[in-house]
Amino acid sequence: MSQSLRIGVLGAGHLGRIHLRCLQSLSSKWTLAGHFDPDPKSNEAVSTLAAEENWGTPSSAFDSAAALIDAVDAVAIVTPTQHHVQLAEQVLKAGRHCFIEKPVANSYSDAERLIALRDQAGKVVQVGHVERFNPAFQATRLQLDRPRFIEAHRLAQFNPRGLDVSVVFDLMIHDIDLALHAMGSEVTRVAANGVAVVGDSVDIANARLEFASGAVANLTASRVSLSPMRKVRLFQPDAYLSVDLLNRKAQVVKLEDVAAGQERDPYGMYLDVPGKTARRLHIEEPDISEANAIADELADFHAACTGTAPCQVSLEDGLAALRVAQDIMNRIKDSHPS
């Protein structure tokens, strides 16, 4: 049995309460010490949720972040983005493992100094790019092989929660991380445009990322759409992968060579190009599990903290996505000179 560690959650808003709920299913890995949130309404919401769902380990409300940090082995930071770095510094200076929700910070320069603190503390820092753990992506990730083009659409209906950051930092950063992970190559050029619709920050954005490998990613994000969508399409030399992250569906289309004279399936789809080997379209729809992605990332965080597995979404990964997101915002500002 793996070693159980004590964990606390900083931030008990909407997403913080989801983390607290998921930790109930991970009692063999994590012992929930409690949470801290300066807003009494958030603490009341936690108590109400725990009673409604009959949590086995109700979450105690601590009086301060420092008190919670002192009582645990690891901390999950699920606060508004502007508080991430300051809290992460407290956590690491206290010698605790640290999980930071995405984005790591509002600026790359603020977050970069966490690397030295992490290394000095010798602790794990994992970033909450949860789509890496989405069952639909997990079902197809082993099929990834040098994608040449990625197209992602992440559309959400309006919700005032999250307006403290632009749609690039709020939503698009998920697909930035997936693109960087899938491509395994440095971004060499960024082009982008965006517009503010309901507030002062960008609500709709499109970005084109060019990679050192020659591959390209085209990302679109909106938080003022009529219908939600979270789809990623990946094109590579031997296959086309379509991943519906919202509805948890996936399709893998491959081209297979057909030998001359080989008997053909009357219901199959074939491509016959003069002067080239005939090819057949083979379509797979992989089984998608019912896993909870946030619970899975918290289980992965535990594995990294106990040294039983490497961290799947490192601080460096989070910083790489943050840097690209910041570049995208700079290009958007450049495209709208004052």
C-alpha atoms as a PDB file:
ATOM      1  CA  MET A   1       0.000   0.000   0.000  1.00  0.00           C
ATOM      2  CA  SER A   2       1.280   3.477  -0.851  1.00  0.00           C
ATOM      3  CA  GLN A   3       2.192   5.918   1.876  1.00  0.00           C
ATOM      4  CA  SER A   4      -0.643   8.199   2.952  1.00  0.00           C
ATOM      5  CA  LEU A   5       0.228  11.905   3.078  1.00  0.00           C
ATOM      6  CA  ARG A   6      -1.564  14.832   4.684  1.00  0.00           C
ATOM      7  CA  ILE A   7      -2.880  17.444   2.269  1.00  0.00           C
ATOM      8  CA  GLY A   8      -4.593  20.804   2.598  1.00  0.00           C
ATOM      9  CA  VAL A   9      -6.359  22.974   0.019  1.00  0.00           C
ATOM     10  CA  LEU A  10      -5.856  26.726  -0.255  1.00  0.00           C
ATOM     11  CA  GLY A  11      -8.982  28.175  -1.826  1.00  0.00           C
ATOM     12  CA  ALA A  12     -12.506  26.840  -1.336  1.00  0.00           C
ATOM     13  CA  GLY A  13     -14.276  28.451  -4.246  1.00  0.00           C
ATOM     14  CA  HIS A  14     -15.962  26.490  -7.029  1.00  0.00           C
ATOM     15  CA  LEU A  15     -12.831  24.645  -8.160  1.00  0.00           C
ATOM     16  CA  GLY A  16     -11.442  24.330  -4.640  1.00  0.00           C
ATOM     17  CA  ARG A  17     -14.599  22.499  -3.547  1.00  0.00           C
ATOM     18  CA  ILE A  18     -14.194  20.113  -6.481  1.00  0.00           C
ATOM     19  CA  HIS A  19     -10.678  19.318  -5.256  1.00  0.00           C
ATOM     20  CA  LEU A  20     -11.984  18.743  -1.734  1.00  0.00           C
ATOM     21  CA  ARG A  21     -14.669  16.423  -3.087  1.00  0.00           C
ATOM     22  CA  CYS A  22     -12.178  14.450  -5.198  1.00  0.00           C
ATOM     23  CA  LEU A  23      -9.892  13.976  -2.199  1.00  0.00           C
ATOM     24  CA  GLN A  24     -12.726  12.053  -0.533  1.00  0.00           C
ATOM     25  CA  SER A  25     -12.201   9.282  -3.095  1.00  0.00           C
ATOM     26  CA  LEU A  26      -8.441   9.228  -2.501  1.00  0.00           C
ATOM     27  CA  SER A  27      -8.402   8.503   1.235  1.00  0.00           C
ATOM     28  CA  SER A  28      -5.893   5.668   0.783  1.00  0.00           C
ATOM     29  CA  LYS A  29      -3.431   8.201  -0.644  1.00  0.00           C
ATOM     30  CA  TRP A  30      -4.321  11.537   0.913  1.00  0.00           C
ATOM     31  CA  THR A  31      -5.452  12.378   4.438  1.00  0.00           C
ATOM     32  CA  LEU A  32      -7.398  15.620   4.110  1.00  0.00           C
ATOM     33  CA  ALA A  33      -6.352  18.034   6.868  1.00  0.00           C
ATOM     34  CA  GLY A  34      -8.659  20.796   5.702  1.00  0.00           C
ATOM     35  CA  HIS A  35      -8.777  24.023   3.769  1.00  0.00           C
ATOM     36  CA  PHE A  36      -8.305  27.776   4.112  1.00  0.00           C
ATOM     37  CA  ASP A  37     -10.321  30.484   2.413  1.00  0.00           C
ATOM     38  CA  PRO A  38     -10.693  34.045   3.749  1.00  0.00           C
ATOM     39  CA  ASP A  39     -14.295  34.207   2.485  1.00  0.00           C
ATOM     40  CA  PRO A  40     -16.785  32.914   5.111  1.00  0.00           C
ATOM     41  CA  LYS A  41     -19.289  32.121   2.351  1.00  0.00           C
ATOM     42  CA  SER A  42     -16.833  29.689   0.766  1.00  0.00           C
ATOM     43  CA  ASN A  43     -16.340  27.930   4.093  1.00  0.00           C
ATOM     44  CA  GLU A  44     -20.102  27.689   4.550  1.00  0.00           C
ATOM     45  CA  ALA A  45     -20.396  26.223   1.049  1.00  0.00           C
ATOM     46  CA  VAL A  46     -17.839  23.542   1.936  1.00  0.00           C
ATOM     47  CA  SER A  47     -19.753  22.577   5.090  1.00  0.00           C
ATOM     48  CA  THR A  48     -23.026  22.423   3.151  1.00  0.00           C
ATOM     49  CA  LEU A  49     -21.515  20.283   0.401  1.00  0.00           C
ATOM     50  CA  ALA A  50     -19.889  17.918   2.897  1.00  0.00           C
ATOM     51  CA  ALA A  51     -23.226  17.417   4.675  1.00  0.00           C
ATOM     52  CA  GLU A  52     -25.179  16.944   1.436  1.00  0.00           C
ATOM     53  CA  GLU A  53     -22.720  14.377   0.098  1.00  0.00           C
ATOM     54  CA  ASN A  54     -21.951  12.800   3.477  1.00  0.00           C
ATOM     55  CA  TRP A  55     -18.204  13.156   3.140  1.00  0.00           C
ATOM     56  CA  GLY A  56     -16.264  10.550   5.060  1.00  0.00           C
ATOM     57  CA  THR A  57     -13.675  13.186   5.979  1.00  0.00           C
ATOM     58  CA  PRO A  58     -15.300  16.615   6.396  1.00  0.00           C
ATOM     59  CA  SER A  59     -12.857  19.418   5.677  1.00  0.00           C
ATOM     60  CA  SER A  60     -11.801  21.582   8.615  1.00  0.00           C
ATOM     61  CA  ALA A  61     -11.537  25.326   7.969  1.00  0.00           C
ATOM     62  CA  PHE A  62      -8.163  26.693   9.075  1.00  0.00           C
ATOM     63  CA  ASP A  63      -7.729  30.243  10.377  1.00  0.00           C
ATOM     64  CA  SER A  64      -4.839  31.062   8.045  1.00  0.00           C
ATOM     65  CA  ALA A  65      -2.806  29.769   5.125  1.00  0.00           C
ATOM     66  CA  ALA A  66       0.236  29.487   7.391  1.00  0.00           C
ATOM     67  CA  ALA A  67      -1.628  27.305   9.890  1.00  0.00           C
ATOM     68  CA  LEU A  68      -2.773  24.960   7.151  1.00  0.00           C
ATOM     69  CA  ILE A  69       0.705  24.731   5.595  1.00  0.00           C
ATOM     70  CA  ASP A  70       2.196  23.824   8.992  1.00  0.00           C
ATOM     71  CA  ALA A  71      -0.269  20.945   9.393  1.00  0.00           C
ATOM     72  CA  VAL A  72       0.329  19.085   6.114  1.00  0.00           C
ATOM     73  CA  ASP A  73       2.838  17.355   3.852  1.00  0.00           C
ATOM     74  CA  ALA A  74       1.414  18.848   0.645  1.00  0.00           C
ATOM     75  CA  VAL A  75      -0.761  21.757  -0.402  1.00  0.00           C
ATOM     76  CA  ALA A  76      -3.095  22.246  -3.377  1.00  0.00           C
ATOM     77  CA  ILE A  77      -3.320  25.921  -4.372  1.00  0.00           C
ATOM     78  CA  VAL A  78      -6.754  26.527  -5.913  1.00  0.00           C
ATOM     79  CA  THR A  79      -7.048  30.286  -5.440  1.00  0.00           C
ATOM     80  CA  PRO A  80      -7.402  33.144  -7.939  1.00  0.00           C
ATOM     81  CA  THR A  81      -4.317  33.244 -10.163  1.00  0.00           C
ATOM     82  CA  GLN A  82      -2.845  36.419  -8.709  1.00  0.00           C
ATOM     83  CA  HIS A  83      -2.212  34.635  -5.391  1.00  0.00           C
ATOM     84  CA  HIS A  84      -0.528  31.515  -6.795  1.00  0.00           C
ATOM     85  CA  VAL A  85       3.117  32.547  -6.642  1.00  0.00           C
ATOM     86  CA  GLN A  86       2.975  34.153  -3.202  1.00  0.00           C
ATOM     87  CA  LEU A  87       1.291  31.084  -1.720  1.00  0.00           C
ATOM     88  CA  ALA A  88       3.576  28.660  -3.561  1.00  0.00           C
ATOM     89  CA  GLU A  89       6.565  30.491  -2.107  1.00  0.00           C
ATOM     90  CA  GLN A  90       5.146  30.007   1.397  1.00  0.00           C
ATOM     91  CA  VAL A  91       4.508  26.327   0.735  1.00  0.00           C
ATOM     92  CA  LEU A  92       7.987  25.614  -0.639  1.00  0.00           C
ATOM     93  CA  LYS A  93       9.805  27.641   2.019  1.00  0.00           C
ATOM     94  CA  ALA A  94       7.966  25.518   4.596  1.00  0.00           C
ATOM     95  CA  GLY A  95       9.269  22.378   2.872  1.00  0.00           C
ATOM     96  CA  ARG A  96       5.931  21.113   1.557  1.00  0.00           C
ATOM     97  CA  HIS A  97       4.986  19.595  -1.800  1.00  0.00           C
ATOM     98  CA  CYS A  98       2.923  21.955  -3.937  1.00  0.00           C
ATOM     99  CA  PHE A  99       0.127  21.514  -6.473  1.00  0.00           C
ATOM    100  CA  ILE A 100      -0.706  24.744  -8.335  1.00  0.00           C
ATOM    101  CA  GLU A 101      -3.819  25.140 -10.447  1.00  0.00           C
ATOM    102  CA  LYS A 102      -3.270  26.494 -13.939  1.00  0.00           C
ATOM    103  CA  PRO A 103      -2.105  29.007 -14.905  1.00  0.00           C
ATOM    104  CA  VAL A 104       0.906  29.046 -12.611  1.00  0.00           C
ATOM    105  CA  ALA A 105       0.811  32.847 -12.439  1.00  0.00           C
ATOM    106  CA  ASN A 106      -0.243  35.965 -14.291  1.00  0.00           C
ATOM    107  CA  SER A 107       3.294  36.432 -15.630  1.00  0.00           C
ATOM    108  CA  TYR A 108       6.211  34.177 -16.481  1.00  0.00           C
ATOM    109  CA  SER A 109       8.730  36.349 -14.632  1.00  0.00           C
ATOM    110  CA  ASP A 110       6.766  36.014 -11.387  1.00  0.00           C
ATOM    111  CA  ALA A 111       6.522  32.228 -11.637  1.00  0.00           C
ATOM    112  CA  GLU A 112      10.065  31.528 -12.838  1.00  0.00           C
ATOM    113  CA  ARG A 113      11.548  32.087  -9.385  1.00  0.00           C
ATOM    114  CA  LEU A 114       9.609  29.078  -8.086  1.00  0.00           C
ATOM    115  CA  ILE A 115      12.109  26.775  -9.831  1.00  0.00           C
ATOM    116  CA  ALA A 116      14.930  27.689  -7.471  1.00  0.00           C
ATOM    117  CA  LEU A 117      12.655  27.408  -4.425  1.00  0.00           C
ATOM    118  CA  ARG A 118      11.457  23.984  -5.538  1.00  0.00           C
ATOM    119  CA  ASP A 119      14.991  22.742  -6.121  1.00  0.00           C
ATOM    120  CA  GLN A 120      16.176  24.121  -2.803  1.00  0.00           C
ATOM    121  CA  ALA A 121      13.274  22.486  -0.953  1.00  0.00           C
ATOM    122  CA  GLY A 122      13.637  19.224  -2.869  1.00  0.00           C
ATOM    123  CA  LYS A 123       9.866  18.984  -3.188  1.00  0.00           C
ATOM    124  CA  VAL A 124       7.410  18.245  -5.996  1.00  0.00           C
ATOM    125  CA  VAL A 125       5.596  21.055  -7.799  1.00  0.00           C
ATOM    126  CA  GLN A 126       2.817  19.883 -10.115  1.00  0.00           C
ATOM    127  CA  VAL A 127       0.664  22.164 -12.268  1.00  0.00           C
ATOM    128  CA  GLY A 128      -3.038  21.540 -12.774  1.00  0.00           C
ATOM    129  CA  HIS A 129      -3.261  21.100 -16.537  1.00  0.00           C
ATOM    130  CA  VAL A 130      -6.110  18.673 -16.021  1.00  0.00           C
ATOM    131  CA  GLU A 131      -6.847  17.933 -19.704  1.00  0.00           C
ATOM    132  CA  ARG A 132      -3.724  15.747 -19.762  1.00  0.00           C
ATOM    133  CA  PHE A 133      -5.755  13.415 -17.528  1.00  0.00           C
ATOM    134  CA  ASN A 134      -8.991  13.668 -19.515  1.00  0.00           C
ATOM    135  CA  PRO A 135     -10.011  10.054 -20.287  1.00  0.00           C
ATOM    136  CA  ALA A 136     -10.531  10.885 -23.978  1.00  0.00           C
ATOM    137  CA  PHE A 137      -7.004  12.258 -24.291  1.00  0.00           C
ATOM    138  CA  GLN A 138      -5.586   9.384 -22.243  1.00  0.00           C
ATOM    139  CA  ALA A 139      -7.242   6.912 -24.624  1.00  0.00           C
ATOM    140  CA  THR A 140      -5.452   8.400 -27.638  1.00  0.00           C
ATOM    141  CA  ARG A 141      -2.151   9.727 -26.304  1.00  0.00           C
ATOM    142  CA  LEU A 142      -0.243   6.505 -27.057  1.00  0.00           C
ATOM    143  CA  GLN A 143      -1.264   6.984 -30.707  1.00  0.00           C
ATOM    144  CA  LEU A 144       0.523  10.345 -30.894  1.00  0.00           C
ATOM    145  CA  ASP A 145       3.485  10.262 -33.241  1.00  0.00           C
ATOM    146  CA  ARG A 146       4.948  13.535 -34.498  1.00  0.00           C
ATOM    147  CA  PRO A 147       1.726  15.489 -35.266  1.00  0.00           C
ATOM    148  CA  ARG A 148       2.163  18.015 -38.045  1.00  0.00           C
ATOM    149  CA  PHE A 149      -0.965  20.044 -37.392  1.00  0.00           C
ATOM    150  CA  ILE A 150      -3.231  20.550 -34.383  1.00  0.00           C
ATOM    151  CA  GLU A 151      -6.547  22.332 -34.395  1.00  0.00           C
ATOM    152  CA  ALA A 152      -8.327  23.038 -31.112  1.00  0.00           C
ATOM    153  CA  HIS A 153     -11.637  24.717 -30.319  1.00  0.00           C
ATOM    154  CA  ARG A 154     -12.494  25.478 -26.695  1.00  0.00           C
ATOM    155  CA  LEU A 155     -15.785  27.339 -26.422  1.00  0.00           C
ATOM    156  CA  ALA A 156     -17.700  28.084 -23.236  1.00  0.00           C
ATOM    157  CA  GLN A 157     -20.891  29.884 -22.369  1.00  0.00           C
ATOM    158  CA  PHE A 158     -20.539  33.111 -20.424  1.00  0.00           C
ATOM    159  CA  ASN A 159     -19.824  32.787 -16.707  1.00  0.00           C
ATOM    160  CA  PRO A 160     -18.568  35.776 -14.685  1.00  0.00           C
ATOM    161  CA  ARG A 161     -16.324  33.426 -12.704  1.00  0.00           C
ATOM    162  CA  GLY A 162     -12.826  33.569 -14.153  1.00  0.00           C
ATOM    163  CA  LEU A 163     -13.018  37.070 -15.585  1.00  0.00           C
ATOM    164  CA  ASP A 164      -9.966  38.043 -13.521  1.00  0.00           C
ATOM    165  CA  VAL A 165      -7.823  36.692 -16.391  1.00  0.00           C
ATOM    166  CA  SER A 166      -8.162  36.705 -20.185  1.00  0.00           C
ATOM    167  CA  VAL A 167      -9.656  33.758 -22.062  1.00  0.00           C
ATOM    168  CA  VAL A 168      -6.095  32.886 -23.118  1.00  0.00           C
ATOM    169  CA  PHE A 169      -5.040  32.277 -19.505  1.00  0.00           C
ATOM    170  CA  ASP A 170      -8.432  30.924 -18.455  1.00  0.00           C
ATOM    171  CA  LEU A 171      -9.300  28.475 -21.273  1.00  0.00           C
ATOM    172  CA  MET A 172      -6.842  28.452 -24.159  1.00  0.00           C
ATOM    173  CA  ILE A 173      -3.934  27.566 -21.880  1.00  0.00           C
ATOM    174  CA  HIS A 174      -5.364  24.028 -21.620  1.00  0.00           C
ATOM    175  CA  ASP A 175      -4.869  23.548 -25.357  1.00  0.00           C
ATOM    176  CA  ILE A 176      -1.519  25.327 -25.320  1.00  0.00           C
ATOM    177  CA  ASP A 177      -0.326  22.695 -22.849  1.00  0.00           C
ATOM    178  CA  LEU A 178      -1.772  19.826 -24.907  1.00  0.00           C
ATOM    179  CA  ALA A 179      -0.126  21.185 -28.069  1.00  0.00           C
ATOM    180  CA  LEU A 180       3.273  21.560 -26.384  1.00  0.00           C
ATOM    181  CA  HIS A 181       2.952  18.067 -24.907  1.00  0.00           C
ATOM    182  CA  ALA A 182       1.919  16.487 -28.218  1.00  0.00           C
ATOM    183  CA  MET A 183       4.465  18.313 -30.389  1.00  0.00           C
ATOM    184  CA  GLY A 184       7.480  17.931 -28.109  1.00  0.00           C
ATOM    185  CA  SER A 185       9.068  20.897 -29.873  1.00  0.00           C
ATOM    186  CA  GLU A 186       9.802  24.553 -29.129  1.00  0.00           C
ATOM    187  CA  VAL A 187       7.450  27.285 -30.332  1.00  0.00           C
ATOM    188  CA  THR A 188       9.338  29.558 -32.739  1.00  0.00           C
ATOM    189  CA  ARG A 189       6.607  31.944 -33.867  1.00  0.00           C
ATOM    190  CA  VAL A 190       3.277  33.141 -32.518  1.00  0.00           C
ATOM    191  CA  ALA A 191       0.517  35.012 -34.342  1.00  0.00           C
ATOM    192  CA  ALA A 192      -2.696  35.904 -32.560  1.00  0.00           C
ATOM    193  CA  ASN A 193      -5.741  38.126 -32.388  1.00  0.00           C
ATOM    194  CA  GLY A 194      -8.532  38.568 -29.892  1.00  0.00           C
ATOM    195  CA  VAL A 195     -11.316  40.793 -28.703  1.00  0.00           C
ATOM    196  CA  ALA A 196     -12.930  41.817 -25.419  1.00  0.00           C
ATOM    197  CA  VAL A 197     -16.705  41.415 -25.479  1.00  0.00           C
ATOM    198  CA  VAL A 198     -18.162  41.653 -21.972  1.00  0.00           C
ATOM    199  CA  GLY A 199     -15.346  43.194 -19.972  1.00  0.00           C
ATOM    200  CA  ASP A 200     -11.882  44.674 -20.169  1.00  0.00           C
ATOM    201  CA  SER A 201     -10.001  41.432 -20.856  1.00  0.00           C
ATOM    202  CA  VAL A 202      -9.963  39.316 -24.016  1.00  0.00           C
ATOM    203  CA  ASP A 203     -12.982  36.973 -24.270  1.00  0.00           C
ATOM    204  CA  ILE A 204     -12.409  35.489 -27.752  1.00  0.00           C
ATOM    205  CA  ALA A 205      -8.968  34.646 -29.118  1.00  0.00           C
ATOM    206  CA  ASN A 206      -7.269  32.759 -31.920  1.00  0.00           C
ATOM    207  CA  ALA A 207      -3.602  31.852 -32.035  1.00  0.00           C
ATOM    208  CA  ARG A 208      -1.322  30.172 -34.548  1.00  0.00           C
ATOM    209  CA  LEU A 209       1.766  28.519 -33.104  1.00  0.00           C
ATOM    210  CA  GLU A 210       4.667  27.473 -35.315  1.00  0.00           C
ATOM    211  CA  PHE A 211       7.126  24.920 -33.931  1.00  0.00           C
ATOM    212  CA  ALA A 212      10.806  24.286 -34.571  1.00  0.00           C
ATOM    213  CA  SER A 213       9.812  20.934 -36.092  1.00  0.00           C
ATOM    214  CA  GLY A 214       7.778  22.744 -38.753  1.00  0.00           C
ATOM    215  CA  ALA A 215       4.484  21.691 -37.199  1.00  0.00           C
ATOM    216  CA  VAL A 216       1.645  24.155 -36.624  1.00  0.00           C
ATOM    217  CA  ALA A 217      -1.143  24.494 -34.039  1.00  0.00           C
ATOM    218  CA  ASN A 218      -4.245  26.620 -34.554  1.00  0.00           C
ATOM    219  CA  LEU A 219      -6.056  27.341 -31.276  1.00  0.00           C
ATOM    220  CA  THR A 220      -9.404  29.085 -30.761  1.00  0.00           C
ATOM    221  CA  ALA A 221     -10.978  29.905 -27.405  1.00  0.00           C
ATOM    222  CA  SER A 222     -14.145  31.765 -26.450  1.00  0.00           C
ATOM    223  CA  ARG A 223     -16.043  32.232 -23.203  1.00  0.00           C
ATOM    224  CA  VAL A 224     -19.042  33.974 -24.770  1.00  0.00           C
ATOM    225  CA  SER A 225     -20.302  31.163 -27.008  1.00  0.00           C
ATOM    226  CA  LEU A 226     -23.850  29.857 -27.330  1.00  0.00           C
ATOM    227  CA  SER A 227     -22.807  26.205 -27.110  1.00  0.00           C
ATOM    228  CA  PRO A 228     -19.858  24.641 -25.276  1.00  0.00           C
ATOM    229  CA  MET A 229     -17.146  22.764 -27.169  1.00  0.00           C
ATOM    230  CA  ARG A 230     -13.770  21.261 -26.252  1.00  0.00           C
ATOM    231  CA  LYS A 231     -12.349  19.487 -29.286  1.00  0.00           C
ATOM    232  CA  VAL A 232      -8.798  18.810 -30.399  1.00  0.00           C
ATOM    233  CA  ARG A 233      -7.902  17.389 -33.809  1.00  0.00           C
ATOM    234  CA  LEU A 234      -4.387  16.127 -34.492  1.00  0.00           C
ATOM    235  CA  PHE A 235      -3.026  15.305 -37.948  1.00  0.00           C
ATOM    236  CA  GLN A 236       0.128  13.221 -38.313  1.00  0.00           C
ATOM    237  CA  PRO A 237       1.743  11.276 -41.175  1.00  0.00           C
ATOM    238  CA  ASP A 238       0.032   7.987 -40.347  1.00  0.00           C
ATOM    239  CA  ALA A 239      -3.196   9.038 -38.643  1.00  0.00           C
ATOM    240  CA  TYR A 240      -5.855  11.594 -37.825  1.00  0.00           C
ATOM    241  CA  LEU A 241      -6.965  11.810 -34.193  1.00  0.00           C
ATOM    242  CA  SER A 242     -10.166  13.532 -33.129  1.00  0.00           C
ATOM    243  CA  VAL A 243     -10.594  14.031 -29.392  1.00  0.00           C
ATOM    244  CA  ASP A 244     -13.817  15.379 -27.897  1.00  0.00           C
ATOM    245  CA  LEU A 245     -12.711  16.364 -24.403  1.00  0.00           C
ATOM    246  CA  LEU A 246     -16.150  17.631 -23.380  1.00  0.00           C
ATOM    247  CA  ASN A 247     -18.196  14.565 -24.369  1.00  0.00           C
ATOM    248  CA  ARG A 248     -15.350  12.116 -23.784  1.00  0.00           C
ATOM    249  CA  LYS A 249     -15.246  10.618 -27.238  1.00  0.00           C
ATOM    250  CA  ALA A 250     -12.341   9.881 -29.542  1.00  0.00           C
ATOM    251  CA  GLN A 251     -11.725   8.613 -33.038  1.00  0.00           C
ATOM    252  CA  VAL A 252      -8.494   7.479 -34.629  1.00  0.00           C
ATOM    253  CA  VAL A 253      -8.346   7.220 -38.425  1.00  0.00           C
ATOM    254  CA  LYS A 254      -5.329   5.429 -39.912  1.00  0.00           C
ATOM    255  CA  LEU A 255      -4.196   4.663 -43.442  1.00  0.00           C
ATOM    256  CA  GLU A 256      -3.035   1.094 -44.050  1.00  0.00           C
ATOM    257  CA  ASP A 257      -1.258  -0.101 -47.193  1.00  0.00           C
ATOM    258  CA  VAL A 258      -3.146  -2.675 -49.255  1.00  0.00           C
ATOM    259  CA  ALA A 259      -1.054  -5.253 -51.091  1.00  0.00           C
ATOM    260  CA  ALA A 260      -1.732  -5.763 -54.791  1.00  0.00           C
ATOM    261  CA  GLY A 261      -4.297  -8.507 -55.273  1.00  0.00           C
ATOM    262  CA  GLN A 262      -5.347  -8.481 -51.598  1.00  0.00           C
ATOM    263  CA  GLU A 263      -9.026  -9.213 -51.098  1.00  0.00           C
ATOM    264  CA  ARG A 264     -10.940  -6.080 -50.188  1.00  0.00           C
ATOM    265  CA  ASP A 265     -13.687  -5.590 -47.635  1.00  0.00           C
ATOM    266  CA  PRO A 266     -16.792  -4.582 -49.601  1.00  0.00           C
ATOM    267  CA  TYR A 267     -17.736  -2.216 -46.767  1.00  0.00           C
ATOM    268  CA  GLY A 268     -14.274  -0.760 -46.387  1.00  0.00           C
ATOM    269  CA  MET A 269     -13.050   2.649 -47.552  1.00  0.00           C
ATOM    270  CA  TYR A 270     -10.046   2.646 -49.904  1.00  0.00           C
ATOM    271  CA  LEU A 271      -7.874   5.300 -51.508  1.00  0.00           C
ATOM    272  CA  ASP A 272      -6.628   4.376 -54.961  1.00  0.00           C
ATOM    273  CA  VAL A 273      -4.081   6.869 -56.298  1.00  0.00           C
ATOM    274  CA  PRO A 274      -2.486   6.112 -59.696  1.00  0.00           C
ATOM    275  CA  GLY A 275       1.167   5.155 -59.340  1.00  0.00           C
ATOM    276  CA  LYS A 276       0.923   4.612 -55.571  1.00  0.00           C
ATOM    277  CA  THR A 277       0.127   1.743 -53.264  1.00  0.00           C
ATOM    278  CA  ALA A 278      -3.592   1.527 -52.494  1.00  0.00           C
ATOM    279  CA  ARG A 279      -4.493   2.390 -48.890  1.00  0.00           C
ATOM    280  CA  ARG A 280      -7.421   1.592 -46.672  1.00  0.00           C
ATOM    281  CA  LEU A 281      -8.994   3.881 -44.098  1.00  0.00           C
ATOM    282  CA  HIS A 282      -9.115   2.133 -40.746  1.00  0.00           C
ATOM    283  CA  ILE A 283     -11.286   3.820 -38.126  1.00  0.00           C
ATOM    284  CA  GLU A 284     -11.001   3.073 -34.404  1.00  0.00           C
ATOM    285  CA  GLU A 285     -13.103   4.410 -31.548  1.00  0.00           C
ATOM    286  CA  PRO A 286     -11.123   3.614 -28.392  1.00  0.00           C
ATOM    287  CA  ASP A 287     -12.914   2.793 -25.163  1.00  0.00           C
ATOM    288  CA  ILE A 288     -13.108   5.799 -22.857  1.00  0.00           C
ATOM    289  CA  SER A 289     -13.054   5.245 -19.109  1.00  0.00           C
ATOM    290  CA  GLU A 290     -15.341   6.991 -16.614  1.00  0.00           C
ATOM    291  CA  ALA A 291     -12.369   8.329 -14.669  1.00  0.00           C
ATOM    292  CA  ASN A 292     -12.442  11.693 -12.909  1.00  0.00           C
ATOM    293  CA  ALA A 293      -9.587  13.744 -14.365  1.00  0.00           C
ATOM    294  CA  ILE A 294      -9.074  15.921 -11.271  1.00  0.00           C
ATOM    295  CA  ALA A 295      -9.005  12.876  -9.002  1.00  0.00           C
ATOM    296  CA  ASP A 296      -6.512  11.262 -11.370  1.00  0.00           C
ATOM    297  CA  GLU A 297      -4.199  14.282 -11.364  1.00  0.00           C
ATOM    298  CA  LEU A 298      -4.312  14.392  -7.558  1.00  0.00           C
ATOM    299  CA  ALA A 299      -3.469  10.676  -7.482  1.00  0.00           C
ATOM    300  CA  ASP A 300      -0.567  11.391  -9.838  1.00  0.00           C
ATOM    301  CA  PHE A 301       0.535  14.207  -7.533  1.00  0.00           C
ATOM    302  CA  HIS A 302       0.626  11.707  -4.661  1.00  0.00           C
ATOM    303  CA  ALA A 303       2.674   9.251  -6.728  1.00  0.00           C
ATOM    304  CA  ALA A 304       5.193  11.998  -7.504  1.00  0.00           C
ATOM    305  CA  CYS A 305       5.348  13.127  -3.861  1.00  0.00           C
ATOM    306  CA  THR A 306       6.020   9.580  -2.653  1.00  0.00           C
ATOM    307  CA  GLY A 307       8.570   8.892  -5.393  1.00  0.00           C
ATOM    308  CA  THR A 308       6.608   6.030  -6.948  1.00  0.00           C
ATOM    309  CA  ALA A 309       6.195   7.761 -10.329  1.00  0.00           C
ATOM    310  CA  PRO A 310       7.501  10.877 -12.074  1.00  0.00           C
ATOM    311  CA  CYS A 311       5.399  14.044 -12.092  1.00  0.00           C
ATOM    312  CA  GLN A 312       3.432  14.112 -15.335  1.00  0.00           C
ATOM    313  CA  VAL A 313       2.853  17.883 -15.409  1.00  0.00           C
ATOM    314  CA  SER A 314       5.947  19.548 -13.991  1.00  0.00           C
ATOM    315  CA  LEU A 315       6.552  23.153 -13.038  1.00  0.00           C
ATOM    316  CA  GLU A 316       8.574  23.460 -16.254  1.00  0.00           C
ATOM    317  CA  ASP A 317       5.521  22.284 -18.225  1.00  0.00           C
ATOM    318  CA  GLY A 318       3.353  24.879 -16.539  1.00  0.00           C
ATOM    319  CA  LEU A 319       5.915  27.600 -17.183  1.00  0.00           C
ATOM    320  CA  ALA A 320       6.205  26.630 -20.858  1.00  0.00           C
ATOM    321  CA  ALA A 321       2.436  26.953 -21.321  1.00  0.00           C
ATOM    322  CA  LEU A 322       2.441  30.232 -19.391  1.00  0.00           C
ATOM    323  CA  ARG A 323       5.204  31.673 -21.582  1.00  0.00           C
ATOM    324  CA  VAL A 324       3.302  30.850 -24.775  1.00  0.00           C
ATOM    325  CA  ALA A 325       0.075  32.259 -23.316  1.00  0.00           C
ATOM    326  CA  GLN A 326       1.923  35.458 -22.469  1.00  0.00           C
ATOM    327  CA  ASP A 327       3.354  35.624 -26.002  1.00  0.00           C
ATOM    328  CA  ILE A 328      -0.152  35.215 -27.394  1.00  0.00           C
ATOM    329  CA  MET A 329      -1.443  38.081 -25.262  1.00  0.00           C
ATOM    330  CA  ASN A 330       1.469  40.262 -26.409  1.00  0.00           C
ATOM    331  CA  ARG A 331       0.621  39.537 -30.044  1.00  0.00           C
ATOM    332  CA  ILE A 332      -3.029  40.382 -29.392  1.00  0.00           C
ATOM    333  CA  LYS A 333      -2.011  43.705 -27.853  1.00  0.00           C
ATOM    334  CA  ASP A 334       0.252  44.361 -30.842  1.00  0.00           C
ATOM    335  CA  SER A 335      -2.667  43.772 -33.199  1.00  0.00           C
ATOM    336  CA  HIS A 336      -4.728  46.472 -31.426  1.00  0.00           C
ATOM    337  CA  PRO A 337      -2.428  49.491 -31.187  1.00  0.00           C
ATOM    338  CA  SER A 338      -3.835  52.284 -29.034  1.00  0.00           C
END
